[in-house]
Amino acid sequence: MGVLPVFRDAGPEDVPRVVALVERAYRGEASRAGWTTEADLLDGQRTDDREIGELVQGHDSRIRMAFIDGVLVACVRIDRGSGHGYVGMVSVEPTRQRDGLGRQLLAEAERVILEDLGMDRARMTVIGQREELIAWYGRRGYLPTGEREPFPYGEPRNGLPRRSDLYFEVLEKRLR
């Protein structure tokens, strides 16, 4: 697994670099250097300064960042949900996506949910057509709940769909 990252919560000063990392991880040509790209499903942006700014300043949300040698290599959104912690926007630098950082990032998000938020369940939503990614989360204990959520068509802030059948699969993991 290599070097262990150093984790900390993002602050307002980190917003631009978090946005840049999330965009590289999910969209456009840069995302194709990794295996978790959404570039075949969505065009446009994945996030923006406003959304990340609201998350880092929110009472029930945070962005947890991972650094190696002082360089931001991964980040994850963690929210207090209704009876669970929500894990989202899992982003690893595309060229580092096979370095074990995703596993370490998830473990840190789960630690925060369990220890800081005092919740014993983690939930996430993944685009249902991303079967390889859903399988990866499944190997880490995240199982389909049977629930689906609609994709927010008509909201360019969430991306520009390249197909009309997108939806979110809800996954959940018991943390103890």
C-alpha atoms as a PDB file:
ATOM      1  CA  MET A   1       0.000   0.000   0.000  1.00  0.00           C
ATOM      2  CA  GLY A   2       2.967   2.319   0.181  1.00  0.00           C
ATOM      3  CA  VAL A   3       3.057   5.528   2.178  1.00  0.00           C
ATOM      4  CA  LEU A   4       0.204   6.267   4.544  1.00  0.00           C
ATOM      5  CA  PRO A   5      -1.534   9.560   3.831  1.00  0.00           C
ATOM      6  CA  VAL A   6      -2.004  12.327   6.363  1.00  0.00           C
ATOM      7  CA  PHE A   7      -5.669  13.314   6.749  1.00  0.00           C
ATOM      8  CA  ARG A   8      -7.282  16.610   7.693  1.00  0.00           C
ATOM      9  CA  ASP A   9     -10.553  18.433   7.134  1.00  0.00           C
ATOM     10  CA  ALA A  10     -10.688  20.979   4.337  1.00  0.00           C
ATOM     11  CA  GLY A  11     -11.145  24.640   5.159  1.00  0.00           C
ATOM     12  CA  PRO A  12     -12.278  27.550   2.984  1.00  0.00           C
ATOM     13  CA  GLU A  13      -8.709  28.041   1.729  1.00  0.00           C
ATOM     14  CA  ASP A  14      -8.721  24.486   0.321  1.00  0.00           C
ATOM     15  CA  VAL A  15     -11.837  24.881  -1.859  1.00  0.00           C
ATOM     16  CA  PRO A  16     -10.073  25.532  -5.203  1.00  0.00           C
ATOM     17  CA  ARG A  17      -7.730  22.547  -4.929  1.00  0.00           C
ATOM     18  CA  VAL A  18     -10.517  20.220  -3.768  1.00  0.00           C
ATOM     19  CA  VAL A  19     -12.671  21.279  -6.748  1.00  0.00           C
ATOM     20  CA  ALA A  20      -9.724  20.696  -9.113  1.00  0.00           C
ATOM     21  CA  LEU A  21      -9.053  17.218  -7.684  1.00  0.00           C
ATOM     22  CA  VAL A  22     -12.717  16.166  -7.866  1.00  0.00           C
ATOM     23  CA  GLU A  23     -12.945  17.366 -11.472  1.00  0.00           C
ATOM     24  CA  ARG A  24      -9.765  15.454 -12.439  1.00  0.00           C
ATOM     25  CA  ALA A  25     -11.041  12.309 -10.716  1.00  0.00           C
ATOM     26  CA  TYR A  26     -14.485  12.262 -12.334  1.00  0.00           C
ATOM     27  CA  ARG A  27     -14.666  14.222 -15.587  1.00  0.00           C
ATOM     28  CA  GLY A  28     -12.829  14.988 -18.783  1.00  0.00           C
ATOM     29  CA  GLU A  29      -9.713  13.517 -20.308  1.00  0.00           C
ATOM     30  CA  ALA A  30      -7.651  13.757 -17.092  1.00  0.00           C
ATOM     31  CA  SER A  31     -10.073  11.335 -15.401  1.00  0.00           C
ATOM     32  CA  ARG A  32      -9.317   8.663 -18.006  1.00  0.00           C
ATOM     33  CA  ALA A  33      -5.871   8.141 -16.447  1.00  0.00           C
ATOM     34  CA  GLY A  34      -7.704   6.307 -13.633  1.00  0.00           C
ATOM     35  CA  TRP A  35     -10.358   3.614 -13.634  1.00  0.00           C
ATOM     36  CA  THR A  36     -13.238   5.454 -11.901  1.00  0.00           C
ATOM     37  CA  THR A  37     -14.023   8.065 -14.545  1.00  0.00           C
ATOM     38  CA  GLU A  38     -17.578   9.173 -15.269  1.00  0.00           C
ATOM     39  CA  ALA A  39     -16.470  10.723 -18.575  1.00  0.00           C
ATOM     40  CA  ASP A  40     -18.392   8.164 -20.640  1.00  0.00           C
ATOM     41  CA  LEU A  41     -21.615   8.887 -18.732  1.00  0.00           C
ATOM     42  CA  LEU A  42     -21.467  12.621 -18.029  1.00  0.00           C
ATOM     43  CA  ASP A  43     -19.966  15.783 -19.442  1.00  0.00           C
ATOM     44  CA  GLY A  44     -19.751  19.125 -17.696  1.00  0.00           C
ATOM     45  CA  GLN A  45     -18.753  19.739 -14.116  1.00  0.00           C
ATOM     46  CA  ARG A  46     -18.838  17.369 -11.143  1.00  0.00           C
ATOM     47  CA  THR A  47     -18.769  20.135  -8.522  1.00  0.00           C
ATOM     48  CA  ASP A  48     -17.959  23.800  -8.097  1.00  0.00           C
ATOM     49  CA  ASP A  49     -16.549  26.292  -5.598  1.00  0.00           C
ATOM     50  CA  ARG A  50     -20.015  27.028  -4.200  1.00  0.00           C
ATOM     51  CA  GLU A  51     -20.835  23.387  -3.385  1.00  0.00           C
ATOM     52  CA  ILE A  52     -17.440  22.612  -1.875  1.00  0.00           C
ATOM     53  CA  GLY A  53     -17.490  25.881   0.077  1.00  0.00           C
ATOM     54  CA  GLU A  54     -20.886  24.999   1.544  1.00  0.00           C
ATOM     55  CA  LEU A  55     -19.655  21.517   2.507  1.00  0.00           C
ATOM     56  CA  VAL A  56     -16.486  22.698   4.258  1.00  0.00           C
ATOM     57  CA  GLN A  57     -18.399  25.350   6.192  1.00  0.00           C
ATOM     58  CA  GLY A  58     -21.451  23.201   6.922  1.00  0.00           C
ATOM     59  CA  HIS A  59     -22.358  22.076  10.414  1.00  0.00           C
ATOM     60  CA  ASP A  60     -23.250  18.533   9.328  1.00  0.00           C
ATOM     61  CA  SER A  61     -20.744  18.097   6.493  1.00  0.00           C
ATOM     62  CA  ARG A  62     -17.040  18.106   5.802  1.00  0.00           C
ATOM     63  CA  ILE A  63     -14.507  17.291   3.163  1.00  0.00           C
ATOM     64  CA  ARG A  64     -11.724  15.060   4.473  1.00  0.00           C
ATOM     65  CA  MET A  65      -8.481  15.403   2.513  1.00  0.00           C
ATOM     66  CA  ALA A  66      -5.531  13.005   2.183  1.00  0.00           C
ATOM     67  CA  PHE A  67      -1.977  14.236   1.616  1.00  0.00           C
ATOM     68  CA  ILE A  68       1.228  12.427   0.749  1.00  0.00           C
ATOM     69  CA  ASP A  69       4.407  14.475   1.086  1.00  0.00           C
ATOM     70  CA  GLY A  70       2.262  17.604   1.396  1.00  0.00           C
ATOM     71  CA  VAL A  71       0.420  16.978  -1.895  1.00  0.00           C
ATOM     72  CA  LEU A  72      -3.368  16.533  -1.981  1.00  0.00           C
ATOM     73  CA  VAL A  73      -3.969  13.048  -3.430  1.00  0.00           C
ATOM     74  CA  ALA A  74      -7.536  12.224  -2.364  1.00  0.00           C
ATOM     75  CA  CYS A  75     -10.638  13.605  -0.686  1.00  0.00           C
ATOM     76  CA  VAL A  76     -14.071  12.468   0.431  1.00  0.00           C
ATOM     77  CA  ARG A  77     -17.321  14.142   1.404  1.00  0.00           C
ATOM     78  CA  ILE A  78     -18.784  13.091   4.765  1.00  0.00           C
ATOM     79  CA  ASP A  79     -22.259  14.210   5.865  1.00  0.00           C
ATOM     80  CA  ARG A  80     -24.426  13.470   8.863  1.00  0.00           C
ATOM     81  CA  GLY A  81     -27.473  11.703   7.463  1.00  0.00           C
ATOM     82  CA  SER A  82     -30.644  10.563   9.169  1.00  0.00           C
ATOM     83  CA  GLY A  83     -29.324   7.675  11.266  1.00  0.00           C
ATOM     84  CA  HIS A  84     -26.240   7.169   9.108  1.00  0.00           C
ATOM     85  CA  GLY A  85     -23.146   8.883   7.834  1.00  0.00           C
ATOM     86  CA  TYR A  86     -23.081   9.691   4.137  1.00  0.00           C
ATOM     87  CA  VAL A  87     -19.932   9.090   2.114  1.00  0.00           C
ATOM     88  CA  GLY A  88     -19.731  10.850  -1.230  1.00  0.00           C
ATOM     89  CA  MET A  89     -17.513  12.444  -3.822  1.00  0.00           C
ATOM     90  CA  VAL A  90     -14.797   9.849  -3.187  1.00  0.00           C
ATOM     91  CA  SER A  91     -11.955  11.312  -5.246  1.00  0.00           C
ATOM     92  CA  VAL A  92      -8.463   9.947  -5.794  1.00  0.00           C
ATOM     93  CA  GLU A  93      -5.902  11.527  -8.100  1.00  0.00           C
ATOM     94  CA  PRO A  94      -6.387   9.527 -11.341  1.00  0.00           C
ATOM     95  CA  THR A  95      -2.723   8.568 -11.663  1.00  0.00           C
ATOM     96  CA  ARG A  96      -2.774   7.221  -8.070  1.00  0.00           C
ATOM     97  CA  GLN A  97      -6.010   5.200  -8.273  1.00  0.00           C
ATOM     98  CA  ARG A  98      -4.222   1.846  -8.053  1.00  0.00           C
ATOM     99  CA  ASP A  99      -2.113   2.791  -5.008  1.00  0.00           C
ATOM    100  CA  GLY A 100      -4.591   1.711  -2.307  1.00  0.00           C
ATOM    101  CA  LEU A 101      -5.589   5.288  -1.516  1.00  0.00           C
ATOM    102  CA  GLY A 102      -9.286   4.598  -2.104  1.00  0.00           C
ATOM    103  CA  ARG A 103      -9.281   1.908   0.583  1.00  0.00           C
ATOM    104  CA  GLN A 104      -7.447   4.199   2.996  1.00  0.00           C
ATOM    105  CA  LEU A 105      -9.789   7.091   2.221  1.00  0.00           C
ATOM    106  CA  LEU A 106     -12.874   4.911   2.848  1.00  0.00           C
ATOM    107  CA  ALA A 107     -11.391   3.631   6.106  1.00  0.00           C
ATOM    108  CA  GLU A 108     -10.838   7.223   7.240  1.00  0.00           C
ATOM    109  CA  ALA A 109     -14.400   8.225   6.271  1.00  0.00           C
ATOM    110  CA  GLU A 110     -15.755   5.244   8.218  1.00  0.00           C
ATOM    111  CA  ARG A 111     -13.607   6.166  11.233  1.00  0.00           C
ATOM    112  CA  VAL A 112     -14.992   9.722  11.149  1.00  0.00           C
ATOM    113  CA  ILE A 113     -18.585   8.438  10.894  1.00  0.00           C
ATOM    114  CA  LEU A 114     -18.112   5.991  13.748  1.00  0.00           C
ATOM    115  CA  GLU A 115     -15.925   8.030  16.122  1.00  0.00           C
ATOM    116  CA  ASP A 116     -16.752  11.665  15.367  1.00  0.00           C
ATOM    117  CA  LEU A 117     -20.393  11.384  14.273  1.00  0.00           C
ATOM    118  CA  GLY A 118     -21.238   8.440  16.537  1.00  0.00           C
ATOM    119  CA  MET A 119     -23.076   6.526  13.798  1.00  0.00           C
ATOM    120  CA  ASP A 120     -22.685   2.864  12.962  1.00  0.00           C
ATOM    121  CA  ARG A 121     -23.850   2.883   9.338  1.00  0.00           C
ATOM    122  CA  ALA A 122     -22.331   4.474   6.250  1.00  0.00           C
ATOM    123  CA  ARG A 123     -24.357   5.099   3.094  1.00  0.00           C
ATOM    124  CA  MET A 124     -23.446   6.248  -0.367  1.00  0.00           C
ATOM    125  CA  THR A 125     -24.997   6.577  -3.791  1.00  0.00           C
ATOM    126  CA  VAL A 126     -23.270   5.397  -6.960  1.00  0.00           C
ATOM    127  CA  ILE A 127     -24.476   5.769 -10.528  1.00  0.00           C
ATOM    128  CA  GLY A 128     -26.129   2.408 -11.185  1.00  0.00           C
ATOM    129  CA  GLN A 129     -24.407   1.931 -14.539  1.00  0.00           C
ATOM    130  CA  ARG A 130     -20.984   1.959 -12.839  1.00  0.00           C
ATOM    131  CA  GLU A 131     -21.015  -1.764 -12.140  1.00  0.00           C
ATOM    132  CA  GLU A 132     -17.231  -2.084 -11.686  1.00  0.00           C
ATOM    133  CA  LEU A 133     -17.256   0.659  -9.049  1.00  0.00           C
ATOM    134  CA  ILE A 134     -20.282  -0.831  -7.259  1.00  0.00           C
ATOM    135  CA  ALA A 135     -18.424  -4.169  -7.188  1.00  0.00           C
ATOM    136  CA  TRP A 136     -15.328  -2.442  -5.744  1.00  0.00           C
ATOM    137  CA  TYR A 137     -17.437  -0.904  -2.957  1.00  0.00           C
ATOM    138  CA  GLY A 138     -19.104  -4.291  -2.439  1.00  0.00           C
ATOM    139  CA  ARG A 139     -15.696  -5.851  -1.738  1.00  0.00           C
ATOM    140  CA  ARG A 140     -15.327  -3.211   0.970  1.00  0.00           C
ATOM    141  CA  GLY A 141     -18.632  -4.144   2.602  1.00  0.00           C
ATOM    142  CA  TYR A 142     -21.002  -1.663   0.917  1.00  0.00           C
ATOM    143  CA  LEU A 143     -24.088  -3.571  -0.159  1.00  0.00           C
ATOM    144  CA  PRO A 144     -27.087  -2.494  -2.234  1.00  0.00           C
ATOM    145  CA  THR A 145     -30.069  -1.530  -0.092  1.00  0.00           C
ATOM    146  CA  GLY A 146     -32.530  -2.089  -2.928  1.00  0.00           C
ATOM    147  CA  GLU A 147     -33.202   1.643  -2.987  1.00  0.00           C
ATOM    148  CA  ARG A 148     -32.614   3.787  -6.039  1.00  0.00           C
ATOM    149  CA  GLU A 149     -32.584   7.546  -6.387  1.00  0.00           C
ATOM    150  CA  PRO A 150     -33.258   9.430  -9.622  1.00  0.00           C
ATOM    151  CA  PHE A 151     -30.459  11.224 -11.411  1.00  0.00           C
ATOM    152  CA  PRO A 152     -30.996  15.022 -11.313  1.00  0.00           C
ATOM    153  CA  TYR A 153     -31.580  15.566 -15.029  1.00  0.00           C
ATOM    154  CA  GLY A 154     -31.948  19.200 -16.001  1.00  0.00           C
ATOM    155  CA  GLU A 155     -29.498  20.400 -13.318  1.00  0.00           C
ATOM    156  CA  PRO A 156     -26.255  21.225 -15.181  1.00  0.00           C
ATOM    157  CA  ARG A 157     -24.528  21.841 -11.857  1.00  0.00           C
ATOM    158  CA  ASN A 158     -24.551  18.023 -11.463  1.00  0.00           C
ATOM    159  CA  GLY A 159     -23.204  17.311 -14.930  1.00  0.00           C
ATOM    160  CA  LEU A 160     -24.562  16.890 -18.430  1.00  0.00           C
ATOM    161  CA  PRO A 161     -25.790  13.313 -18.939  1.00  0.00           C
ATOM    162  CA  ARG A 162     -24.700  11.487 -22.072  1.00  0.00           C
ATOM    163  CA  ARG A 163     -27.548   8.989 -21.685  1.00  0.00           C
ATOM    164  CA  SER A 164     -31.147   9.024 -20.481  1.00  0.00           C
ATOM    165  CA  ASP A 165     -31.215   6.018 -18.123  1.00  0.00           C
ATOM    166  CA  LEU A 166     -28.954   7.166 -15.252  1.00  0.00           C
ATOM    167  CA  TYR A 167     -29.936   6.577 -11.624  1.00  0.00           C
ATOM    168  CA  PHE A 168     -28.213   6.208  -8.263  1.00  0.00           C
ATOM    169  CA  GLU A 169     -27.885   2.880  -6.473  1.00  0.00           C
ATOM    170  CA  VAL A 170     -27.936   3.285  -2.668  1.00  0.00           C
ATOM    171  CA  LEU A 171     -25.240   1.257  -0.884  1.00  0.00           C
ATOM    172  CA  GLU A 172     -24.830   0.782   2.861  1.00  0.00           C
ATOM    173  CA  LYS A 173     -22.271  -0.688   5.246  1.00  0.00           C
ATOM    174  CA  ARG A 174     -22.616  -1.511   8.942  1.00  0.00           C
ATOM    175  CA  LEU A 175     -19.546  -0.202  10.721  1.00  0.00           C
ATOM    176  CA  ARG A 176     -19.806  -2.424  13.819  1.00  0.00           C
END
